[in-house]
Amino acid sequence: MATADTIQSPTPATVWPGVIRLATDEDGSAIGVLIRDAGVDDYGADWSQPGIGAWWIVAEREGRLVGAIQVCPSQPVGTIGGLIVSSSERARRADGGGSLMKRPGVLARLLLGLAVETLRRQGVEFFMAIGRNDPAQHLYDFLGARTVGTSPILMRRTA
């Protein structure tokens, strides 16, 4: 991951009134809350574990975590998963206004763009995205990503 505390936006013209940064381990519990508040079942995952910060980019506004995306670099294929945006920030334009077009707001676009840029800077040739919904699909389509299969996502606790 990048070494700076705050990640610069790949689209400087886009303004969002918060801070987007690399997560720290202390953000783990707040990421878990954000995921559960979005209605995603985390199967009782322990979000307080050390090392969580190494795999996430987070968005913070007024001292509160309002967005997160998981970024897992690998060669030649990296993974982007878990793009989560708080309901207070979903479908919001840069000026704070809302959109009824079922399109992702500026924060989702910034988080995904930063995730792709992070992987690109690490030399990742392709990325695989985990998790899809209609608004996110618009973003992936815009980036030129294509559906390559319909395999289920499988998960099992290791301990």
C-alpha atoms as a PDB file:
ATOM      1  CA  MET A   1       0.000   0.000   0.000  1.00  0.00           C
ATOM      2  CA  ALA A   2       0.995   3.615  -0.333  1.00  0.00           C
ATOM      3  CA  THR A   3       3.037   5.018   2.508  1.00  0.00           C
ATOM      4  CA  ALA A   4       1.234   8.360   2.841  1.00  0.00           C
ATOM      5  CA  ASP A   5      -1.379   8.736   5.567  1.00  0.00           C
ATOM      6  CA  THR A   6      -3.796  10.388   3.156  1.00  0.00           C
ATOM      7  CA  ILE A   7      -4.194   9.058  -0.352  1.00  0.00           C
ATOM      8  CA  GLN A   8      -4.512  11.602  -3.136  1.00  0.00           C
ATOM      9  CA  SER A   9      -7.523  11.282  -5.394  1.00  0.00           C
ATOM     10  CA  PRO A  10      -6.816  10.020  -8.935  1.00  0.00           C
ATOM     11  CA  THR A  11      -9.293  12.643 -10.139  1.00  0.00           C
ATOM     12  CA  PRO A  12      -8.151  15.933  -8.560  1.00  0.00           C
ATOM     13  CA  ALA A  13     -11.192  17.808  -9.917  1.00  0.00           C
ATOM     14  CA  THR A  14     -13.457  15.690  -7.730  1.00  0.00           C
ATOM     15  CA  VAL A  15     -13.903  17.151  -4.281  1.00  0.00           C
ATOM     16  CA  TRP A  16     -15.304  15.252  -1.342  1.00  0.00           C
ATOM     17  CA  PRO A  17     -15.521  16.987   2.052  1.00  0.00           C
ATOM     18  CA  GLY A  18     -13.782  14.296   4.052  1.00  0.00           C
ATOM     19  CA  VAL A  19     -10.514  12.395   4.303  1.00  0.00           C
ATOM     20  CA  ILE A  20      -9.713   9.225   2.384  1.00  0.00           C
ATOM     21  CA  ARG A  21      -6.772   7.350   3.862  1.00  0.00           C
ATOM     22  CA  LEU A  22      -5.210   3.986   4.462  1.00  0.00           C
ATOM     23  CA  ALA A  23      -6.892   2.181   7.310  1.00  0.00           C
ATOM     24  CA  THR A  24      -5.163   1.482  10.590  1.00  0.00           C
ATOM     25  CA  ASP A  25      -5.761  -1.514  12.813  1.00  0.00           C
ATOM     26  CA  GLU A  26      -7.754   0.797  15.092  1.00  0.00           C
ATOM     27  CA  ASP A  27     -10.281   1.246  12.242  1.00  0.00           C
ATOM     28  CA  GLY A  28     -11.132  -2.460  12.226  1.00  0.00           C
ATOM     29  CA  SER A  29     -14.113  -2.291  14.563  1.00  0.00           C
ATOM     30  CA  ALA A  30     -15.567   0.722  12.703  1.00  0.00           C
ATOM     31  CA  ILE A  31     -15.178  -1.130   9.377  1.00  0.00           C
ATOM     32  CA  GLY A  32     -17.110  -4.040  10.879  1.00  0.00           C
ATOM     33  CA  VAL A  33     -19.895  -1.706  12.040  1.00  0.00           C
ATOM     34  CA  LEU A  34     -20.046  -0.087   8.598  1.00  0.00           C
ATOM     35  CA  ILE A  35     -20.370  -3.510   6.956  1.00  0.00           C
ATOM     36  CA  ARG A  36     -23.097  -4.700   9.335  1.00  0.00           C
ATOM     37  CA  ASP A  37     -24.981  -1.374   9.038  1.00  0.00           C
ATOM     38  CA  ALA A  38     -25.042  -1.920   5.259  1.00  0.00           C
ATOM     39  CA  GLY A  39     -26.902  -5.182   5.851  1.00  0.00           C
ATOM     40  CA  VAL A  40     -23.965  -7.433   4.958  1.00  0.00           C
ATOM     41  CA  ASP A  41     -23.570 -10.571   7.065  1.00  0.00           C
ATOM     42  CA  ASP A  42     -19.986 -10.700   8.351  1.00  0.00           C
ATOM     43  CA  TYR A  43     -20.567 -14.128   9.939  1.00  0.00           C
ATOM     44  CA  GLY A  44     -19.347 -12.855  13.305  1.00  0.00           C
ATOM     45  CA  ALA A  45     -15.892 -11.859  12.050  1.00  0.00           C
ATOM     46  CA  ASP A  46     -13.536 -10.362  14.639  1.00  0.00           C
ATOM     47  CA  TRP A  47     -12.837  -6.881  13.269  1.00  0.00           C
ATOM     48  CA  SER A  48     -10.494  -6.013  16.149  1.00  0.00           C
ATOM     49  CA  GLN A  49      -7.704  -8.315  14.961  1.00  0.00           C
ATOM     50  CA  PRO A  50      -4.264  -6.831  14.310  1.00  0.00           C
ATOM     51  CA  GLY A  51      -3.376  -6.490  10.632  1.00  0.00           C
ATOM     52  CA  ILE A  52      -6.791  -5.372   9.366  1.00  0.00           C
ATOM     53  CA  GLY A  53      -5.493  -1.911   8.507  1.00  0.00           C
ATOM     54  CA  ALA A  54      -3.098  -3.280   5.896  1.00  0.00           C
ATOM     55  CA  TRP A  55      -5.929  -4.275   3.564  1.00  0.00           C
ATOM     56  CA  TRP A  56      -8.396  -1.376   3.567  1.00  0.00           C
ATOM     57  CA  ILE A  57      -8.788   2.187   2.320  1.00  0.00           C
ATOM     58  CA  VAL A  58     -11.281   4.165   4.412  1.00  0.00           C
ATOM     59  CA  ALA A  59     -13.217   7.405   4.105  1.00  0.00           C
ATOM     60  CA  GLU A  60     -13.778   9.524   7.170  1.00  0.00           C
ATOM     61  CA  ARG A  61     -16.061  12.516   7.538  1.00  0.00           C
ATOM     62  CA  GLU A  62     -16.442  14.582  10.694  1.00  0.00           C
ATOM     63  CA  GLY A  63     -14.576  11.937  12.702  1.00  0.00           C
ATOM     64  CA  ARG A  64     -16.811   9.063  11.541  1.00  0.00           C
ATOM     65  CA  LEU A  65     -15.959   6.240   9.129  1.00  0.00           C
ATOM     66  CA  VAL A  66     -18.424   6.495   6.213  1.00  0.00           C
ATOM     67  CA  GLY A  67     -16.805   4.322   3.553  1.00  0.00           C
ATOM     68  CA  ALA A  68     -14.314   1.517   3.067  1.00  0.00           C
ATOM     69  CA  ILE A  69     -12.946  -0.701   0.335  1.00  0.00           C
ATOM     70  CA  GLN A  70     -10.759  -3.778   0.690  1.00  0.00           C
ATOM     71  CA  VAL A  71      -7.653  -3.901  -1.510  1.00  0.00           C
ATOM     72  CA  CYS A  72      -5.545  -7.059  -1.699  1.00  0.00           C
ATOM     73  CA  PRO A  73      -2.528  -6.785  -4.009  1.00  0.00           C
ATOM     74  CA  SER A  74      -1.068  -9.932  -5.512  1.00  0.00           C
ATOM     75  CA  GLN A  75       0.700 -10.874  -8.733  1.00  0.00           C
ATOM     76  CA  PRO A  76      -0.547 -10.984 -11.424  1.00  0.00           C
ATOM     77  CA  VAL A  77      -4.145 -10.675 -10.133  1.00  0.00           C
ATOM     78  CA  GLY A  78      -5.145  -8.480  -7.192  1.00  0.00           C
ATOM     79  CA  THR A  79      -8.518  -8.397  -5.503  1.00  0.00           C
ATOM     80  CA  ILE A  80     -10.904  -5.565  -4.717  1.00  0.00           C
ATOM     81  CA  GLY A  81     -13.687  -6.463  -2.350  1.00  0.00           C
ATOM     82  CA  GLY A  82     -16.100  -5.013   0.116  1.00  0.00           C
ATOM     83  CA  LEU A  83     -16.872  -1.545  -1.269  1.00  0.00           C
ATOM     84  CA  ILE A  84     -19.093  -0.237   1.519  1.00  0.00           C
ATOM     85  CA  VAL A  85     -20.504   3.286   1.758  1.00  0.00           C
ATOM     86  CA  SER A  86     -22.639   4.544   4.635  1.00  0.00           C
ATOM     87  CA  SER A  87     -26.260   5.258   3.748  1.00  0.00           C
ATOM     88  CA  SER A  88     -25.605   8.933   4.578  1.00  0.00           C
ATOM     89  CA  GLU A  89     -23.088   9.122   1.696  1.00  0.00           C
ATOM     90  CA  ARG A  90     -24.660   6.841  -0.919  1.00  0.00           C
ATOM     91  CA  ALA A  91     -25.590   8.382  -4.257  1.00  0.00           C
ATOM     92  CA  ARG A  92     -24.244  11.791  -3.217  1.00  0.00           C
ATOM     93  CA  ARG A  93     -22.699  14.199  -5.688  1.00  0.00           C
ATOM     94  CA  ALA A  94     -19.562  16.192  -4.841  1.00  0.00           C
ATOM     95  CA  ASP A  95     -21.769  19.153  -3.827  1.00  0.00           C
ATOM     96  CA  GLY A  96     -23.588  16.945  -1.298  1.00  0.00           C
ATOM     97  CA  GLY A  97     -26.798  16.747  -3.328  1.00  0.00           C
ATOM     98  CA  GLY A  98     -28.523  13.445  -3.863  1.00  0.00           C
ATOM     99  CA  SER A  99     -29.159  11.363  -6.931  1.00  0.00           C
ATOM    100  CA  LEU A 100     -32.139   9.157  -7.631  1.00  0.00           C
ATOM    101  CA  MET A 101     -30.516   7.469 -10.627  1.00  0.00           C
ATOM    102  CA  LYS A 102     -29.346   4.328  -8.750  1.00  0.00           C
ATOM    103  CA  ARG A 103     -25.822   5.362  -9.629  1.00  0.00           C
ATOM    104  CA  PRO A 104     -22.986   5.364  -7.140  1.00  0.00           C
ATOM    105  CA  GLY A 105     -22.106   8.661  -5.545  1.00  0.00           C
ATOM    106  CA  VAL A 106     -18.800  10.483  -5.593  1.00  0.00           C
ATOM    107  CA  LEU A 107     -17.443   8.645  -2.533  1.00  0.00           C
ATOM    108  CA  ALA A 108     -17.963   5.184  -4.048  1.00  0.00           C
ATOM    109  CA  ARG A 109     -16.308   6.354  -7.278  1.00  0.00           C
ATOM    110  CA  LEU A 110     -13.343   7.799  -5.380  1.00  0.00           C
ATOM    111  CA  LEU A 111     -12.853   4.679  -3.262  1.00  0.00           C
ATOM    112  CA  LEU A 112     -12.965   2.351  -6.247  1.00  0.00           C
ATOM    113  CA  GLY A 113     -10.687   4.608  -8.301  1.00  0.00           C
ATOM    114  CA  LEU A 114      -8.158   4.717  -5.467  1.00  0.00           C
ATOM    115  CA  ALA A 115      -8.302   0.944  -5.044  1.00  0.00           C
ATOM    116  CA  VAL A 116      -7.561   0.397  -8.740  1.00  0.00           C
ATOM    117  CA  GLU A 117      -4.781   3.002  -8.661  1.00  0.00           C
ATOM    118  CA  THR A 118      -3.260   1.375  -5.571  1.00  0.00           C
ATOM    119  CA  LEU A 119      -3.136  -1.980  -7.349  1.00  0.00           C
ATOM    120  CA  ARG A 120      -1.754  -0.404 -10.536  1.00  0.00           C
ATOM    121  CA  ARG A 121       1.059   1.280  -8.618  1.00  0.00           C
ATOM    122  CA  GLN A 122       1.973  -2.059  -7.088  1.00  0.00           C
ATOM    123  CA  GLY A 123       2.348  -3.644 -10.509  1.00  0.00           C
ATOM    124  CA  VAL A 124      -0.840  -5.698 -10.395  1.00  0.00           C
ATOM    125  CA  GLU A 125      -1.792  -6.667 -13.951  1.00  0.00           C
ATOM    126  CA  PHE A 126      -5.490  -7.500 -13.421  1.00  0.00           C
ATOM    127  CA  PHE A 127      -7.945  -7.054 -10.592  1.00  0.00           C
ATOM    128  CA  MET A 128     -10.797  -9.296  -9.590  1.00  0.00           C
ATOM    129  CA  ALA A 129     -13.782  -7.677  -7.899  1.00  0.00           C
ATOM    130  CA  ILE A 130     -15.766  -9.485  -5.240  1.00  0.00           C
ATOM    131  CA  GLY A 131     -19.339  -8.449  -4.607  1.00  0.00           C
ATOM    132  CA  ARG A 132     -21.687  -6.822  -7.062  1.00  0.00           C
ATOM    133  CA  ASN A 133     -24.805  -4.746  -6.991  1.00  0.00           C
ATOM    134  CA  ASP A 134     -26.387  -2.543  -9.661  1.00  0.00           C
ATOM    135  CA  PRO A 135     -24.730   0.763  -8.673  1.00  0.00           C
ATOM    136  CA  ALA A 136     -21.307  -0.856  -8.288  1.00  0.00           C
ATOM    137  CA  GLN A 137     -21.743  -2.608 -11.618  1.00  0.00           C
ATOM    138  CA  HIS A 138     -21.938   0.818 -13.308  1.00  0.00           C
ATOM    139  CA  LEU A 139     -18.532   1.657 -11.824  1.00  0.00           C
ATOM    140  CA  TYR A 140     -16.930  -1.595 -12.901  1.00  0.00           C
ATOM    141  CA  ASP A 141     -18.392  -1.231 -16.393  1.00  0.00           C
ATOM    142  CA  PHE A 142     -17.010   2.301 -16.598  1.00  0.00           C
ATOM    143  CA  LEU A 143     -13.563   0.958 -15.692  1.00  0.00           C
ATOM    144  CA  GLY A 144     -13.840  -1.614 -18.475  1.00  0.00           C
ATOM    145  CA  ALA A 145     -14.206  -4.606 -16.160  1.00  0.00           C
ATOM    146  CA  ARG A 146     -16.125  -7.582 -17.496  1.00  0.00           C
ATOM    147  CA  THR A 147     -17.936 -10.451 -15.830  1.00  0.00           C
ATOM    148  CA  VAL A 148     -15.824 -13.559 -16.395  1.00  0.00           C
ATOM    149  CA  GLY A 149     -17.929 -16.129 -14.600  1.00  0.00           C
ATOM    150  CA  THR A 150     -20.762 -16.750 -12.212  1.00  0.00           C
ATOM    151  CA  SER A 151     -18.967 -18.841  -9.606  1.00  0.00           C
ATOM    152  CA  PRO A 152     -20.259 -18.571  -6.068  1.00  0.00           C
ATOM    153  CA  ILE A 153     -18.090 -16.939  -3.451  1.00  0.00           C
ATOM    154  CA  LEU A 154     -17.230 -19.548  -0.861  1.00  0.00           C
ATOM    155  CA  MET A 155     -16.154 -18.818   2.682  1.00  0.00           C
ATOM    156  CA  ARG A 156     -15.182 -20.911   5.664  1.00  0.00           C
ATOM    157  CA  ARG A 157     -13.849 -20.006   9.098  1.00  0.00           C
ATOM    158  CA  THR A 158     -10.242 -21.197   9.453  1.00  0.00           C
ATOM    159  CA  ALA A 159     -10.257 -21.772  13.178  1.00  0.00           C
END
